[in-house]
Amino acid sequence: MPGAGKSTIGVLLAKELVKEFVDTDLLIQLSEGKSLQDIIHDHGYQHLREVEEQVLLSANYMNHVIATGGSVVYSDAGMRHLKRSGRVVFLDVPLEELERRVHNYATRGIACPPGQKLPDLYQERRALYHQYADIVVNCTNKGQDELVSEIIYAEGEQFAEMDA
């Protein structure tokens, strides 16, 4: 979800794991030469989702930490591509916390239908996040370092299960 901390936690996780970090929102903006909000304004939110899928499917980022836009879960092909490259982590932040963090909802470049409010978006996407996640991290009342540690621990547990 917007405001969940994907980019912030992603950078910290990449640093801790000594991996490169990629933010697909930035790749989208670079490929289109404009901000996410401008893409939505000029072409609509569906176009942003299409560009997001194209950017993701053209990416080959093995051994990277990748922060995606929150709407990536609308692309089954994109999510399958991500899952082939590694583990998908869902930062599960309560709606109330997201509402405190996201002050610029209408101008943030969120790929959703006009007029859709954050609670509705949260409800719609949350099931998709759970569907695709390999690791779900409950972010309630946890600091950044604790979240990074939980992701690393969960990743290690997943590898141990695969080896068993």
Protein backbone atom coordinates (compact mmCIF):
# COMPACT_ATOMS: atom_id res chain seq x y z
CA MET A 1 0.00 0.00 0.00
CA PRO A 2 1.10 3.58 -0.44
CA GLY A 3 2.83 4.67 2.74
CA ALA A 4 3.70 1.14 3.86
CA GLY A 5 7.43 1.88 3.72
CA LYS A 6 8.39 -0.29 0.74
CA SER A 7 11.17 2.01 -0.46
CA THR A 8 12.47 2.84 3.01
CA ILE A 9 12.54 -0.76 4.23
CA GLY A 10 13.81 -1.91 0.83
CA VAL A 11 16.87 0.34 1.01
CA LEU A 12 17.64 -0.78 4.57
CA LEU A 13 17.15 -4.43 3.65
CA ALA A 14 19.42 -4.10 0.60
CA LYS A 15 22.09 -2.49 2.74
CA GLU A 16 21.85 -5.23 5.37
CA LEU A 17 21.95 -8.02 2.77
CA VAL A 18 24.58 -6.28 0.61
CA LYS A 19 22.34 -6.31 -2.45
CA GLU A 20 21.39 -3.69 -4.98
CA PHE A 21 18.09 -1.85 -4.57
CA VAL A 22 15.58 -1.10 -7.31
CA ASP A 23 12.42 1.02 -7.01
CA THR A 24 10.05 0.28 -9.89
CA ASP A 25 8.19 3.56 -9.38
CA LEU A 26 11.42 5.35 -10.25
CA LEU A 27 11.94 3.10 -13.28
CA ILE A 28 8.40 3.93 -14.47
CA GLN A 29 9.02 7.65 -14.08
CA LEU A 30 12.31 7.41 -15.96
CA SER A 31 10.79 5.37 -18.79
CA GLU A 32 7.87 7.80 -19.18
CA GLY A 33 9.81 10.99 -18.43
CA LYS A 34 7.20 12.19 -15.95
CA SER A 35 5.91 11.66 -12.44
CA LEU A 36 3.43 8.92 -11.60
CA GLN A 37 0.75 11.53 -10.96
CA ASP A 38 1.41 13.15 -14.35
CA ILE A 39 1.11 9.75 -16.04
CA ILE A 40 -2.29 9.27 -14.40
CA HIS A 41 -3.36 12.80 -15.26
CA ASP A 42 -2.31 12.50 -18.91
CA HIS A 43 -3.27 8.87 -19.65
CA GLY A 44 -5.32 7.46 -16.74
CA TYR A 45 -4.59 5.05 -13.93
CA GLN A 46 -4.96 1.97 -16.17
CA HIS A 47 -2.12 3.24 -18.36
CA LEU A 48 0.08 3.56 -15.28
CA ARG A 49 -0.70 -0.05 -14.39
CA GLU A 50 0.17 -1.14 -17.94
CA VAL A 51 3.49 0.72 -17.86
CA GLU A 52 4.20 -0.76 -14.44
CA GLU A 53 3.64 -4.26 -15.81
CA GLN A 54 5.86 -3.59 -18.86
CA VAL A 55 8.67 -2.21 -16.69
CA LEU A 56 8.43 -5.15 -14.34
CA LEU A 57 8.33 -7.81 -17.06
CA SER A 58 11.32 -6.28 -18.83
CA ALA A 59 13.34 -6.26 -15.61
CA ASN A 60 15.80 -8.97 -14.68
CA TYR A 61 16.89 -8.19 -11.17
CA MET A 62 18.08 -11.43 -9.66
CA ASN A 63 19.75 -10.95 -6.29
CA HIS A 64 18.24 -7.47 -5.81
CA VAL A 65 15.81 -5.98 -3.35
CA ILE A 66 12.93 -4.55 -5.36
CA ALA A 67 10.32 -2.09 -4.12
CA THR A 68 7.31 -2.08 -6.41
CA GLY A 69 4.36 0.19 -6.70
CA GLY A 70 1.40 -1.04 -4.69
CA SER A 71 -0.67 -1.67 -7.81
CA VAL A 72 1.71 -4.34 -9.13
CA VAL A 73 -0.60 -6.97 -7.60
CA TYR A 74 -3.16 -6.29 -10.33
CA SER A 75 -0.75 -7.93 -12.80
CA ASP A 76 -0.68 -11.70 -12.44
CA ALA A 77 2.10 -11.88 -15.06
CA GLY A 78 4.13 -9.28 -13.15
CA MET A 79 3.69 -11.05 -9.84
CA ARG A 80 4.65 -14.42 -11.33
CA HIS A 81 7.77 -12.75 -12.77
CA LEU A 82 8.66 -11.35 -9.33
CA LYS A 83 8.09 -14.69 -7.62
CA ARG A 84 10.47 -16.40 -10.09
CA SER A 85 13.14 -13.89 -9.06
CA GLY A 86 12.79 -14.29 -5.30
CA ARG A 87 10.50 -13.91 -2.31
CA VAL A 88 7.60 -11.48 -2.30
CA VAL A 89 7.24 -9.63 1.00
CA PHE A 90 4.02 -7.89 2.07
CA LEU A 91 4.50 -5.11 4.62
CA ASP A 92 1.15 -5.37 6.40
CA VAL A 93 0.48 -1.91 7.83
CA PRO A 94 -2.90 -1.20 9.46
CA LEU A 95 -5.20 1.16 7.58
CA GLU A 96 -5.18 3.67 10.45
CA GLU A 97 -1.40 3.96 10.22
CA LEU A 98 -1.50 4.36 6.43
CA GLU A 99 -4.04 7.15 6.84
CA ARG A 100 -1.64 8.91 9.22
CA ARG A 101 1.30 8.51 6.82
CA VAL A 102 -0.33 9.35 3.48
CA HIS A 103 -1.22 13.05 3.42
CA ASN A 104 -1.08 13.48 -0.34
CA TYR A 105 -3.38 10.65 -1.46
CA ALA A 106 -4.96 12.62 -4.32
CA THR A 107 -1.60 13.73 -5.77
CA ARG A 108 0.70 10.83 -4.89
CA GLY A 109 0.37 8.97 -8.19
CA ILE A 110 -1.66 6.05 -6.90
CA ALA A 111 -3.01 3.82 -9.68
CA CYS A 112 -6.66 3.66 -8.67
CA PRO A 113 -9.97 4.77 -10.16
CA PRO A 114 -10.88 8.44 -9.70
CA GLY A 115 -12.69 8.96 -6.43
CA GLN A 116 -11.58 5.72 -4.82
CA LYS A 117 -10.68 6.41 -1.19
CA LEU A 118 -7.82 4.86 0.75
CA PRO A 119 -10.04 2.52 2.86
CA ASP A 120 -11.61 1.07 -0.30
CA LEU A 121 -8.22 0.69 -1.97
CA TYR A 122 -6.88 -1.01 1.17
CA GLN A 123 -9.76 -3.47 1.23
CA GLU A 124 -9.40 -4.24 -2.48
CA ARG A 125 -5.63 -4.73 -2.50
CA ARG A 126 -5.11 -6.45 0.84
CA ALA A 127 -6.49 -9.79 -0.41
CA LEU A 128 -4.21 -9.60 -3.45
CA TYR A 129 -1.17 -8.82 -1.30
CA HIS A 130 -1.89 -11.91 0.81
CA GLN A 131 -2.48 -14.01 -2.30
CA TYR A 132 0.96 -13.28 -3.76
CA ALA A 133 3.06 -12.86 -0.61
CA ASP A 134 5.64 -15.44 0.36
CA ILE A 135 6.35 -13.52 3.55
CA VAL A 136 3.84 -11.36 5.45
CA VAL A 137 5.32 -8.97 7.98
CA ASN A 138 2.98 -7.46 10.54
CA CYS A 139 4.25 -3.88 10.82
CA THR A 140 2.13 -2.82 13.81
CA ASN A 141 4.20 -0.87 16.37
CA LYS A 142 7.54 -1.96 14.89
CA GLY A 143 10.54 0.13 13.95
CA GLN A 144 12.43 -0.09 10.69
CA ASP A 145 15.31 -2.15 12.08
CA GLU A 146 12.91 -4.67 13.62
CA LEU A 147 11.06 -5.04 10.30
CA VAL A 148 14.30 -5.60 8.39
CA SER A 149 15.35 -8.25 10.92
CA GLU A 150 11.97 -9.99 10.63
CA ILE A 151 12.24 -10.12 6.85
CA ILE A 152 15.75 -11.55 6.99
CA TYR A 153 14.68 -14.14 9.57
CA ALA A 154 11.59 -15.12 7.53
CA GLU A 155 13.73 -15.41 4.39
CA GLY A 156 16.12 -17.74 6.22
CA GLU A 157 13.20 -19.84 7.41
CA GLN A 158 11.94 -20.14 3.83
CA PHE A 159 15.34 -21.36 2.61
CA ALA A 160 15.49 -23.89 5.48
CA GLU A 161 12.07 -25.26 4.48
CA MET A 162 13.20 -25.59 0.85
CA ASP A 163 16.30 -27.56 1.91
CA ALA A 164 14.34 -29.93 4.17
